[in-house]
C-alpha atoms as a PDB file:
ATOM      1  CA  MET A   1       0.005   0.108  -0.057  1.00  0.00           C
ATOM      2  CA  LYS A   2       2.928   2.334   0.817  1.00  0.00           C
ATOM      3  CA  LYS A   3       4.337   1.606  -2.618  1.00  0.00           C
ATOM      4  CA  LEU A   4       1.129   2.520  -4.437  1.00  0.00           C
ATOM      5  CA  ILE A   5       0.773   5.672  -2.444  1.00  0.00           C
ATOM      6  CA  ALA A   6       4.104   6.784  -3.233  1.00  0.00           C
ATOM      7  CA  ALA A   7       3.800   5.784  -6.985  1.00  0.00           C
ATOM      8  CA  ALA A   8       0.485   7.835  -7.092  1.00  0.00           C
ATOM      9  CA  LEU A   9       2.097  10.930  -5.374  1.00  0.00           C
ATOM     10  CA  LEU A  10       5.006  10.447  -7.897  1.00  0.00           C
ATOM     11  CA  ILE A  11       2.675  10.417 -10.877  1.00  0.00           C
ATOM     12  CA  GLY A  12       0.806  13.258  -9.402  1.00  0.00           C
ATOM     13  CA  VAL A  13       3.879  15.559  -9.047  1.00  0.00           C
ATOM     14  CA  ALA A  14       5.049  14.498 -12.518  1.00  0.00           C
ATOM     15  CA  ALA A  15       1.652  15.479 -13.957  1.00  0.00           C
ATOM     16  CA  LEU A  16       1.590  18.769 -12.128  1.00  0.00           C
ATOM     17  CA  ALA A  17       5.267  19.500 -13.437  1.00  0.00           C
ATOM     18  CA  VAL A  18       4.082  18.783 -16.929  1.00  0.00           C
ATOM     19  CA  PHE A  19       1.095  20.866 -16.545  1.00  0.00           C
ATOM     20  CA  TRP A  20       3.217  23.919 -15.091  1.00  0.00           C
ATOM     21  CA  TRP A  21       5.497  23.465 -18.090  1.00  0.00           C
ATOM     22  CA  LEU A  22       2.996  23.316 -20.829  1.00  0.00           C
ATOM     23  CA  SER A  23       0.844  26.153 -19.272  1.00  0.00           C
ATOM     24  CA  ALA A  24       3.815  28.700 -18.800  1.00  0.00           C
ATOM     25  CA  PRO A  25       3.259  32.322 -20.282  1.00  0.00           C
ATOM     26  CA  ALA A  26       5.282  32.585 -23.508  1.00  0.00           C
ATOM     27  CA  ALA A  27       7.963  35.148 -24.095  1.00  0.00           C
ATOM     28  CA  LEU A  28       8.621  36.790 -27.462  1.00  0.00           C
ATOM     29  CA  SER A  29      10.643  34.469 -29.809  1.00  0.00           C
ATOM     30  CA  GLU A  30      13.648  35.691 -31.341  1.00  0.00           C
ATOM     31  CA  GLU A  31      11.799  35.781 -34.776  1.00  0.00           C
ATOM     32  CA  GLN A  32       9.118  37.783 -33.378  1.00  0.00           C
ATOM     33  CA  ARG A  33      11.365  40.225 -31.800  1.00  0.00           C
ATOM     34  CA  ALA A  34      13.423  40.714 -34.911  1.00  0.00           C
ATOM     35  CA  SER A  35      10.470  41.526 -36.913  1.00  0.00           C
ATOM     36  CA  LEU A  36       9.470  44.616 -34.803  1.00  0.00           C
ATOM     37  CA  THR A  37      10.318  48.084 -36.171  1.00  0.00           C
ATOM     38  CA  GLU A  38      10.384  51.643 -35.058  1.00  0.00           C
ATOM     39  CA  GLY A  39       6.799  52.179 -35.902  1.00  0.00           C
ATOM     40  CA  ASP A  40       4.841  54.526 -38.117  1.00  0.00           C
ATOM     41  CA  ALA A  41       1.868  56.205 -36.320  1.00  0.00           C
ATOM     42  CA  ALA A  42       0.194  57.285 -39.498  1.00  0.00           C
ATOM     43  CA  ALA A  43       0.272  53.592 -40.776  1.00  0.00           C
ATOM     44  CA  GLY A  44      -0.843  52.441 -37.383  1.00  0.00           C
ATOM     45  CA  GLU A  45      -4.226  54.182 -37.775  1.00  0.00           C
ATOM     46  CA  THR A  46      -5.135  51.830 -40.503  1.00  0.00           C
ATOM     47  CA  MET A  47      -4.465  48.718 -37.957  1.00  0.00           C
ATOM     48  CA  PHE A  48      -6.485  50.633 -35.181  1.00  0.00           C
ATOM     49  CA  TRP A  49      -9.703  50.661 -37.331  1.00  0.00           C
ATOM     50  CA  ALA A  50      -9.172  47.355 -38.957  1.00  0.00           C
ATOM     51  CA  GLY A  51      -8.683  45.786 -35.492  1.00  0.00           C
ATOM     52  CA  GLY A  52     -11.792  47.461 -33.873  1.00  0.00           C
ATOM     53  CA  CYS A  53      -9.775  48.844 -30.941  1.00  0.00           C
ATOM     54  CA  GLY A  54     -12.321  51.503 -30.086  1.00  0.00           C
ATOM     55  CA  SER A  55     -15.392  49.157 -30.338  1.00  0.00           C
ATOM     56  CA  CYS A  56     -14.280  47.325 -27.291  1.00  0.00           C
ATOM     57  CA  HIS A  57     -12.088  50.071 -25.323  1.00  0.00           C
ATOM     58  CA  ALA A  58     -13.924  53.171 -25.866  1.00  0.00           C
ATOM     59  CA  GLU A  59     -17.247  54.048 -24.344  1.00  0.00           C
ATOM     60  CA  LYS A  60     -20.009  51.730 -25.428  1.00  0.00           C
ATOM     61  CA  SER A  61     -21.943  54.706 -27.231  1.00  0.00           C
ATOM     62  CA  ALA A  62     -18.749  56.273 -28.749  1.00  0.00           C
ATOM     63  CA  LYS A  63     -18.956  57.659 -32.173  1.00  0.00           C
ATOM     64  CA  GLY A  64     -16.309  59.027 -34.574  1.00  0.00           C
ATOM     65  CA  ASP A  65     -13.029  60.342 -32.827  1.00  0.00           C
ATOM     66  CA  ALA A  66     -14.698  59.303 -29.362  1.00  0.00           C
ATOM     67  CA  LYS A  67     -13.657  55.825 -30.402  1.00  0.00           C
ATOM     68  CA  LYS A  68     -10.137  56.969 -29.779  1.00  0.00           C
ATOM     69  CA  LEU A  69     -10.635  57.385 -26.076  1.00  0.00           C
ATOM     70  CA  LEU A  70      -9.618  53.931 -24.948  1.00  0.00           C
ATOM     71  CA  GLY A  71     -10.380  53.724 -21.142  1.00  0.00           C
ATOM     72  CA  GLY A  72     -12.022  50.445 -21.522  1.00  0.00           C
ATOM     73  CA  GLY A  73     -14.690  49.139 -19.049  1.00  0.00           C
ATOM     74  CA  HIS A  74     -17.076  47.405 -21.286  1.00  0.00           C
ATOM     75  CA  ARG A  75     -18.730  44.425 -19.541  1.00  0.00           C
ATOM     76  CA  LEU A  76     -18.806  41.373 -21.781  1.00  0.00           C
ATOM     77  CA  ASN A  77     -21.613  39.092 -20.497  1.00  0.00           C
ATOM     78  CA  THR A  78     -20.665  35.502 -21.868  1.00  0.00           C
ATOM     79  CA  PRO A  79     -21.711  32.013 -21.110  1.00  0.00           C
ATOM     80  CA  ALA A  80     -18.106  31.754 -19.410  1.00  0.00           C
ATOM     81  CA  GLY A  81     -18.605  34.838 -17.170  1.00  0.00           C
ATOM     82  CA  ILE A  82     -18.201  38.507 -17.207  1.00  0.00           C
ATOM     83  CA  PHE A  83     -15.119  40.066 -18.976  1.00  0.00           C
ATOM     84  CA  VAL A  84     -14.345  43.673 -18.550  1.00  0.00           C
ATOM     85  CA  THR A  85     -12.175  45.366 -21.064  1.00  0.00           C
ATOM     86  CA  PRO A  86      -9.097  47.244 -20.020  1.00  0.00           C
ATOM     87  CA  ASN A  87      -7.664  50.680 -20.254  1.00  0.00           C
ATOM     88  CA  ILE A  88      -5.366  50.656 -23.261  1.00  0.00           C
ATOM     89  CA  SER A  89      -4.849  54.345 -23.592  1.00  0.00           C
ATOM     90  CA  PRO A  90      -1.462  55.845 -23.107  1.00  0.00           C
ATOM     91  CA  ASP A  91      -2.171  56.869 -19.588  1.00  0.00           C
ATOM     92  CA  GLY A  92       1.064  55.877 -17.629  1.00  0.00           C
ATOM     93  CA  GLU A  93      -0.894  54.776 -14.459  1.00  0.00           C
ATOM     94  CA  THR A  94      -3.990  52.936 -15.566  1.00  0.00           C
ATOM     95  CA  GLY A  95      -3.306  52.257 -19.340  1.00  0.00           C
ATOM     96  CA  ILE A  96      -0.345  51.159 -21.369  1.00  0.00           C
ATOM     97  CA  GLY A  97       1.674  54.419 -21.398  1.00  0.00           C
ATOM     98  CA  ASN A  98       4.583  52.677 -19.487  1.00  0.00           C
ATOM     99  CA  TRP A  99       4.609  49.693 -21.702  1.00  0.00           C
ATOM    100  CA  THR A 100       7.402  48.765 -24.149  1.00  0.00           C
ATOM    101  CA  LEU A 101       6.733  47.691 -27.679  1.00  0.00           C
ATOM    102  CA  GLU A 102       7.954  44.241 -26.939  1.00  0.00           C
ATOM    103  CA  GLN A 103       5.529  43.950 -23.965  1.00  0.00           C
ATOM    104  CA  PHE A 104       2.725  45.283 -26.372  1.00  0.00           C
ATOM    105  CA  ALA A 105       3.690  42.806 -29.003  1.00  0.00           C
ATOM    106  CA  ASN A 106       3.807  39.905 -26.425  1.00  0.00           C
ATOM    107  CA  ALA A 107       0.237  40.640 -25.462  1.00  0.00           C
ATOM    108  CA  MET A 108      -0.929  41.106 -29.072  1.00  0.00           C
ATOM    109  CA  TRP A 109       0.869  37.753 -30.269  1.00  0.00           C
ATOM    110  CA  ASN A 110       1.057  35.538 -27.169  1.00  0.00           C
ATOM    111  CA  GLY A 111      -1.682  36.856 -24.921  1.00  0.00           C
ATOM    112  CA  VAL A 112       0.658  37.682 -21.955  1.00  0.00           C
ATOM    113  CA  SER A 113       0.685  40.670 -19.902  1.00  0.00           C
ATOM    114  CA  PRO A 114       3.747  42.603 -19.089  1.00  0.00           C
ATOM    115  CA  GLY A 115       3.688  41.037 -15.691  1.00  0.00           C
ATOM    116  CA  GLY A 116       3.804  37.579 -17.100  1.00  0.00           C
ATOM    117  CA  ARG A 117       0.129  36.579 -16.695  1.00  0.00           C
ATOM    118  CA  HIS A 118      -1.969  34.893 -19.397  1.00  0.00           C
ATOM    119  CA  TYR A 119      -4.661  37.177 -20.983  1.00  0.00           C
ATOM    120  CA  TYR A 120      -8.209  35.446 -21.502  1.00  0.00           C
ATOM    121  CA  PRO A 121      -9.020  34.856 -25.070  1.00  0.00           C
ATOM    122  CA  SER A 122     -11.774  37.360 -24.849  1.00  0.00           C
ATOM    123  CA  PHE A 123      -8.948  39.627 -26.156  1.00  0.00           C
ATOM    124  CA  PRO A 124      -8.627  38.118 -29.702  1.00  0.00           C
ATOM    125  CA  TYR A 125      -4.812  37.448 -29.705  1.00  0.00           C
ATOM    126  CA  SER A 126      -5.723  34.033 -31.418  1.00  0.00           C
ATOM    127  CA  SER A 127      -6.264  36.329 -34.588  1.00  0.00           C
ATOM    128  CA  TYR A 128      -3.786  39.089 -33.644  1.00  0.00           C
ATOM    129  CA  ILE A 129      -1.104  36.421 -33.673  1.00  0.00           C
ATOM    130  CA  ARG A 130      -1.233  36.506 -37.552  1.00  0.00           C
ATOM    131  CA  MET A 131      -0.481  40.178 -37.704  1.00  0.00           C
ATOM    132  CA  THR A 132       2.975  41.270 -38.894  1.00  0.00           C
ATOM    133  CA  GLY A 133       5.655  42.632 -36.622  1.00  0.00           C
ATOM    134  CA  GLU A 134       5.581  45.981 -38.704  1.00  0.00           C
ATOM    135  CA  ASP A 135       1.885  46.358 -38.077  1.00  0.00           C
ATOM    136  CA  ILE A 136       2.094  45.576 -34.503  1.00  0.00           C
ATOM    137  CA  SER A 137       4.781  48.286 -34.276  1.00  0.00           C
ATOM    138  CA  ASN A 138       2.695  50.802 -36.319  1.00  0.00           C
ATOM    139  CA  LEU A 139      -0.344  50.139 -34.093  1.00  0.00           C
ATOM    140  CA  PHE A 140       1.795  50.698 -31.000  1.00  0.00           C
ATOM    141  CA  ALA A 141       3.000  53.982 -32.319  1.00  0.00           C
ATOM    142  CA  TYR A 142      -0.509  55.196 -33.115  1.00  0.00           C
ATOM    143  CA  LEU A 143      -1.863  54.212 -29.809  1.00  0.00           C
ATOM    144  CA  LYS A 144       0.829  56.415 -28.069  1.00  0.00           C
ATOM    145  CA  THR A 145      -0.528  59.487 -30.124  1.00  0.00           C
ATOM    146  CA  LEU A 146      -4.054  59.263 -28.537  1.00  0.00           C
ATOM    147  CA  GLU A 147      -5.369  61.056 -25.501  1.00  0.00           C
ATOM    148  CA  PRO A 148      -4.557  59.291 -22.156  1.00  0.00           C
ATOM    149  CA  VAL A 149      -7.748  58.296 -20.172  1.00  0.00           C
ATOM    150  CA  SER A 150      -7.394  57.885 -16.347  1.00  0.00           C
ATOM    151  CA  ARG A 151      -9.632  54.855 -15.424  1.00  0.00           C
ATOM    152  CA  ALA A 152      -8.612  52.095 -13.381  1.00  0.00           C
ATOM    153  CA  ASN A 153      -9.028  48.624 -14.672  1.00  0.00           C
ATOM    154  CA  GLU A 154     -11.694  46.290 -13.125  1.00  0.00           C
ATOM    155  CA  PRO A 155     -11.360  42.600 -12.542  1.00  0.00           C
ATOM    156  CA  HIS A 156     -13.399  40.007 -14.468  1.00  0.00           C
ATOM    157  CA  ASP A 157     -16.271  38.092 -12.853  1.00  0.00           C
ATOM    158  CA  LEU A 158     -15.505  34.579 -13.518  1.00  0.00           C
ATOM    159  CA  PRO A 159     -16.352  31.247 -11.671  1.00  0.00           C
ATOM    160  CA  LEU A 160     -13.938  28.616 -10.636  1.00  0.00           C
ATOM    161  CA  PRO A 161     -11.960  26.926 -12.518  1.00  0.00           C
ATOM    162  CA  LEU A 162     -12.042  29.694 -15.137  1.00  0.00           C
ATOM    163  CA  ASN A 163     -10.591  32.295 -12.931  1.00  0.00           C
ATOM    164  CA  PHE A 164      -7.561  30.246 -12.567  1.00  0.00           C
ATOM    165  CA  ARG A 165      -5.441  31.855 -15.348  1.00  0.00           C
ATOM    166  CA  ARG A 166      -2.720  29.296 -15.614  1.00  0.00           C
ATOM    167  CA  GLY A 167      -5.100  26.941 -17.295  1.00  0.00           C
ATOM    168  CA  ILE A 168      -5.205  29.270 -20.289  1.00  0.00           C
ATOM    169  CA  GLY A 169      -1.630  28.157 -21.223  1.00  0.00           C
ATOM    170  CA  LEU A 170      -3.104  24.779 -22.083  1.00  0.00           C
ATOM    171  CA  TRP A 171      -5.894  26.368 -24.279  1.00  0.00           C
ATOM    172  CA  LYS A 172      -3.041  28.385 -26.063  1.00  0.00           C
ATOM    173  CA  THR A 173      -0.997  24.982 -26.476  1.00  0.00           C
ATOM    174  CA  ALA A 174      -4.133  23.609 -28.324  1.00  0.00           C
ATOM    175  CA  PHE A 175      -5.507  26.408 -30.226  1.00  0.00           C
ATOM    176  CA  LEU A 176      -3.027  29.317 -30.662  1.00  0.00           C
ATOM    177  CA  ASP A 177      -1.675  29.145 -34.285  1.00  0.00           C
ATOM    178  CA  ALA A 178      -0.033  31.802 -36.443  1.00  0.00           C
ATOM    179  CA  ALA A 179      -0.720  30.042 -39.606  1.00  0.00           C
ATOM    180  CA  PRO A 180      -3.210  31.491 -42.001  1.00  0.00           C
ATOM    181  CA  VAL A 181      -6.650  29.572 -41.805  1.00  0.00           C
ATOM    182  CA  LYS A 182      -7.017  29.591 -45.591  1.00  0.00           C
ATOM    183  CA  GLN A 183      -3.422  28.460 -46.784  1.00  0.00           C
ATOM    184  CA  ASP A 184      -4.801  27.570 -50.132  1.00  0.00           C
ATOM    185  CA  ILE A 185      -6.156  31.000 -51.133  1.00  0.00           C
ATOM    186  CA  ASP A 186      -5.034  32.111 -54.734  1.00  0.00           C
ATOM    187  CA  ALA A 187      -1.640  34.034 -54.443  1.00  0.00           C
ATOM    188  CA  ASP A 188      -3.508  37.133 -55.746  1.00  0.00           C
ATOM    189  CA  GLU A 189      -2.120  40.330 -54.052  1.00  0.00           C
ATOM    190  CA  MET A 190      -5.905  41.525 -53.381  1.00  0.00           C
ATOM    191  CA  LEU A 191      -6.762  38.054 -52.126  1.00  0.00           C
ATOM    192  CA  LEU A 192      -3.757  37.972 -49.859  1.00  0.00           C
ATOM    193  CA  ARG A 193      -4.448  41.323 -48.333  1.00  0.00           C
ATOM    194  CA  GLY A 194      -8.083  40.462 -47.766  1.00  0.00           C
ATOM    195  CA  ARG A 195      -7.068  37.080 -45.960  1.00  0.00           C
ATOM    196  CA  TYR A 196      -4.760  39.274 -43.810  1.00  0.00           C
ATOM    197  CA  LEU A 197      -7.206  41.697 -42.865  1.00  0.00           C
ATOM    198  CA  VAL A 198      -9.980  39.243 -42.134  1.00  0.00           C
ATOM    199  CA  GLU A 199      -7.963  36.552 -40.364  1.00  0.00           C
ATOM    200  CA  GLY A 200      -5.596  38.784 -38.611  1.00  0.00           C
ATOM    201  CA  PRO A 201      -6.319  42.358 -37.411  1.00  0.00           C
ATOM    202  CA  GLY A 202      -9.974  42.243 -38.457  1.00  0.00           C
ATOM    203  CA  HIS A 203     -10.436  39.006 -36.306  1.00  0.00           C
ATOM    204  CA  CYS A 204     -13.702  38.402 -38.077  1.00  0.00           C
ATOM    205  CA  GLY A 205     -13.497  34.612 -37.235  1.00  0.00           C
ATOM    206  CA  GLU A 206     -13.804  35.241 -33.551  1.00  0.00           C
ATOM    207  CA  CYS A 207     -17.519  35.926 -33.722  1.00  0.00           C
ATOM    208  CA  HIS A 208     -18.424  34.430 -37.247  1.00  0.00           C
ATOM    209  CA  THR A 209     -16.937  31.151 -36.666  1.00  0.00           C
ATOM    210  CA  PRO A 210     -18.406  28.508 -34.242  1.00  0.00           C
ATOM    211  CA  ARG A 211     -16.075  27.136 -31.521  1.00  0.00           C
ATOM    212  CA  THR A 212     -14.901  23.683 -30.589  1.00  0.00           C
ATOM    213  CA  VAL A 213     -15.323  21.930 -27.292  1.00  0.00           C
ATOM    214  CA  PHE A 214     -18.766  23.091 -26.230  1.00  0.00           C
ATOM    215  CA  GLY A 215     -17.995  26.639 -27.321  1.00  0.00           C
ATOM    216  CA  PHE A 216     -15.071  27.144 -25.096  1.00  0.00           C
ATOM    217  CA  GLY A 217     -12.315  25.883 -27.578  1.00  0.00           C
ATOM    218  CA  GLY A 218     -10.793  27.470 -30.585  1.00  0.00           C
ATOM    219  CA  MET A 219     -12.536  28.429 -33.855  1.00  0.00           C
ATOM    220  CA  ASP A 220     -13.754  25.487 -35.800  1.00  0.00           C
ATOM    221  CA  GLU A 221     -11.918  25.964 -39.094  1.00  0.00           C
ATOM    222  CA  SER A 222     -13.898  23.522 -40.725  1.00  0.00           C
ATOM    223  CA  ARG A 223     -16.711  25.842 -40.552  1.00  0.00           C
ATOM    224  CA  TRP A 224     -14.706  29.021 -40.968  1.00  0.00           C
ATOM    225  CA  LEU A 225     -17.061  32.077 -40.953  1.00  0.00           C
ATOM    226  CA  ALA A 226     -20.195  29.984 -41.102  1.00  0.00           C
ATOM    227  CA  GLY A 227     -21.811  31.745 -38.264  1.00  0.00           C
ATOM    228  CA  GLY A 228     -22.459  30.721 -34.661  1.00  0.00           C
ATOM    229  CA  PRO A 229     -23.950  31.727 -31.414  1.00  0.00           C
ATOM    230  CA  ALA A 230     -23.672  35.125 -30.313  1.00  0.00           C
ATOM    231  CA  PRO A 231     -20.721  35.572 -27.795  1.00  0.00           C
ATOM    232  CA  GLU A 232     -22.930  37.841 -25.609  1.00  0.00           C
ATOM    233  CA  GLY A 233     -26.451  36.943 -24.888  1.00  0.00           C
ATOM    234  CA  ASP A 234     -28.990  35.417 -27.217  1.00  0.00           C
ATOM    235  CA  GLY A 235     -29.090  35.301 -30.965  1.00  0.00           C
ATOM    236  CA  LYS A 236     -26.603  34.220 -33.628  1.00  0.00           C
ATOM    237  CA  ILE A 237     -23.823  35.650 -35.581  1.00  0.00           C
ATOM    238  CA  PRO A 238     -24.639  35.414 -39.383  1.00  0.00           C
ATOM    239  CA  ASN A 239     -22.873  33.273 -42.122  1.00  0.00           C
ATOM    240  CA  ILE A 240     -20.627  35.293 -44.213  1.00  0.00           C
ATOM    241  CA  THR A 241     -19.229  32.590 -46.565  1.00  0.00           C
ATOM    242  CA  PRO A 242     -20.607  32.383 -50.186  1.00  0.00           C
ATOM    243  CA  HIS A 243     -23.208  30.057 -49.193  1.00  0.00           C
ATOM    244  CA  GLU A 244     -26.946  30.346 -49.853  1.00  0.00           C
ATOM    245  CA  LYS A 245     -27.545  31.042 -46.337  1.00  0.00           C
ATOM    246  CA  GLY A 246     -24.767  33.451 -46.355  1.00  0.00           C
ATOM    247  CA  LEU A 247     -23.401  36.005 -48.843  1.00  0.00           C
ATOM    248  CA  GLU A 248     -24.051  34.031 -52.019  1.00  0.00           C
ATOM    249  CA  SER A 249     -26.366  36.531 -53.464  1.00  0.00           C
ATOM    250  CA  TRP A 250     -24.036  39.387 -52.740  1.00  0.00           C
ATOM    251  CA  SER A 251     -21.476  40.593 -55.172  1.00  0.00           C
ATOM    252  CA  ALA A 252     -18.080  41.580 -53.949  1.00  0.00           C
ATOM    253  CA  GLY A 253     -19.038  45.195 -54.706  1.00  0.00           C
ATOM    254  CA  ASP A 254     -22.134  44.731 -52.480  1.00  0.00           C
ATOM    255  CA  ILE A 255     -19.940  43.663 -49.697  1.00  0.00           C
ATOM    256  CA  ALA A 256     -17.548  46.378 -50.085  1.00  0.00           C
ATOM    257  CA  SER A 257     -20.308  49.023 -50.285  1.00  0.00           C
ATOM    258  CA  TYR A 258     -21.887  47.568 -47.051  1.00  0.00           C
ATOM    259  CA  LEU A 259     -18.552  47.835 -45.450  1.00  0.00           C
ATOM    260  CA  GLU A 260     -18.557  51.536 -46.435  1.00  0.00           C
ATOM    261  CA  SER A 261     -22.163  52.629 -46.181  1.00  0.00           C
ATOM    262  CA  GLY A 262     -23.799  50.075 -43.760  1.00  0.00           C
ATOM    263  CA  PHE A 263     -26.558  49.405 -46.355  1.00  0.00           C
ATOM    264  CA  THR A 264     -27.276  45.891 -47.681  1.00  0.00           C
ATOM    265  CA  PRO A 265     -28.144  45.265 -51.410  1.00  0.00           C
ATOM    266  CA  ASP A 266     -31.726  45.398 -50.298  1.00  0.00           C
ATOM    267  CA  PHE A 267     -31.326  48.712 -48.654  1.00  0.00           C
ATOM    268  CA  ASP A 268     -31.616  47.302 -45.127  1.00  0.00           C
ATOM    269  CA  SER A 269     -29.476  48.868 -42.640  1.00  0.00           C
ATOM    270  CA  VAL A 270     -26.697  47.254 -40.409  1.00  0.00           C
ATOM    271  CA  GLY A 271     -27.599  46.564 -36.890  1.00  0.00           C
ATOM    272  CA  GLY A 272     -26.552  45.093 -33.636  1.00  0.00           C
ATOM    273  CA  THR A 273     -22.827  44.749 -32.758  1.00  0.00           C
ATOM    274  CA  MET A 274     -22.085  44.902 -36.341  1.00  0.00           C
ATOM    275  CA  VAL A 275     -22.801  48.717 -36.312  1.00  0.00           C
ATOM    276  CA  SER A 276     -19.549  49.532 -34.718  1.00  0.00           C
ATOM    277  CA  VAL A 277     -17.650  46.988 -36.944  1.00  0.00           C
ATOM    278  CA  GLN A 278     -18.980  48.631 -39.985  1.00  0.00           C
ATOM    279  CA  GLU A 279     -18.153  52.049 -38.714  1.00  0.00           C
ATOM    280  CA  ASN A 280     -14.492  50.973 -38.275  1.00  0.00           C
ATOM    281  CA  MET A 281     -14.402  49.335 -41.901  1.00  0.00           C
ATOM    282  CA  ALA A 282     -15.773  52.681 -43.310  1.00  0.00           C
ATOM    283  CA  ARG A 283     -12.427  54.198 -42.162  1.00  0.00           C
ATOM    284  CA  LEU A 284     -10.298  51.889 -44.326  1.00  0.00           C
ATOM    285  CA  SER A 285      -9.254  52.613 -47.820  1.00  0.00           C
ATOM    286  CA  LYS A 286     -11.488  51.578 -50.604  1.00  0.00           C
ATOM    287  CA  GLU A 287      -8.903  49.029 -51.707  1.00  0.00           C
ATOM    288  CA  ASP A 288      -8.903  47.466 -48.276  1.00  0.00           C
ATOM    289  CA  ARG A 289     -12.637  47.070 -48.332  1.00  0.00           C
ATOM    290  CA  ALA A 290     -12.346  45.614 -51.838  1.00  0.00           C
ATOM    291  CA  ALA A 291      -9.668  43.249 -50.645  1.00  0.00           C
ATOM    292  CA  ILE A 292     -11.908  42.026 -47.631  1.00  0.00           C
ATOM    293  CA  ALA A 293     -14.733  41.453 -50.012  1.00  0.00           C
ATOM    294  CA  ALA A 294     -12.771  39.604 -52.463  1.00  0.00           C
ATOM    295  CA  TYR A 295     -11.674  37.187 -49.833  1.00  0.00           C
ATOM    296  CA  LEU A 296     -14.993  36.453 -48.495  1.00  0.00           C
ATOM    297  CA  LYS A 297     -16.261  35.672 -52.049  1.00  0.00           C
ATOM    298  CA  ALA A 298     -13.322  33.405 -52.640  1.00  0.00           C
ATOM    299  CA  ILE A 299     -13.434  31.102 -49.415  1.00  0.00           C
ATOM    300  CA  PRO A 300     -15.331  27.933 -49.593  1.00  0.00           C
ATOM    301  CA  ALA A 301     -19.192  28.009 -49.010  1.00  0.00           C
ATOM    302  CA  VAL A 302     -20.111  26.572 -45.732  1.00  0.00           C
ATOM    303  CA  GLY A 303     -23.675  25.952 -44.387  1.00  0.00           C
ATOM    304  CA  ASN A 304     -24.874  27.221 -41.020  1.00  0.00           C
END
C-alpha cells in the first residue's frame, strides 16, 4: 500500500510539473522580436480601425473620434462569465503608457501581460497572432499618439475554475496558431491582403466562426465564417461565406459597399454589434474594403 501511495504521489507531482511547463506564459521568440520596427503612427491608424480597438475599449456609445478614447470598461456578458475590457490608452498609471513595444507585442501575439500573466482569449490574440511585426509596431506607435484616459481597470467576474489563469496556457497550446486559416487561397495580391485583414487584425472569425469543445475551444476552421452563437447573450452571428444562407447573392461590390455605407443590397441597414464594426471598416481605404470583399467571395461556401 505504501508503494502504491508513493507511486500515486510521484505520478501526481510529474503531472503537475508537465502541466506547469505546458501552461507557462510565453515570451517573444527571437523571430518575433526581430520583426518589430520603429513604428509609423500614420500607418498604425489603419490597424487601429481594422482591429476595432475602439469598439471594445472606448465608451460603448462612442462615435467618430470618441472611439479613440480607450479607457475600457465594457462588460462582456458571456456563458463563461463577465469579462471587463481594460484601459489601453497611453495613460501611464492606468493604461499602457509605460509599456514597451516588446510588452505590447507579447500581449498581441502571445496573450501575455507585462507582468507575465495569461490574458483570457476574450482578447482576440488568437487572430492578432497573424499580424506582422511591422503592423504591431505601427499600431503601438499610433496608440501612443492618442489622448490618455485615467480609468482604473476592473477585474473579470468568472467562476472557478475559469478564474485560474494558468490553465489558459493549455488552451493556447491547443488552439493558438499563427498560420493562415485559408492557406490555399489564390496568391493574388488582393486576396492575400483580404485574408490578412479578415484573419488577422479584423479578427472576423472570432464571432463569425463557431467554437470547438462546447463553445470554449478554438475556432472550428472546418466551419470558417459559417456563423455561430453570439458571444454575448441570445441570438446568432450570421454566415458570411458565399453560401446560399450567407453571402451567395451578394457581389464583391455589394460587400464592399456595405462595409462603407452600412446598407445591404436590399437597402436594409446594419444592426446590432455590427454597427460599430461597419463604422470601423468605413475608415479603411477603398482598396482594403475591396480586398476583404474579394476574400469573402473566394473562400469555400459552408452551411450554417
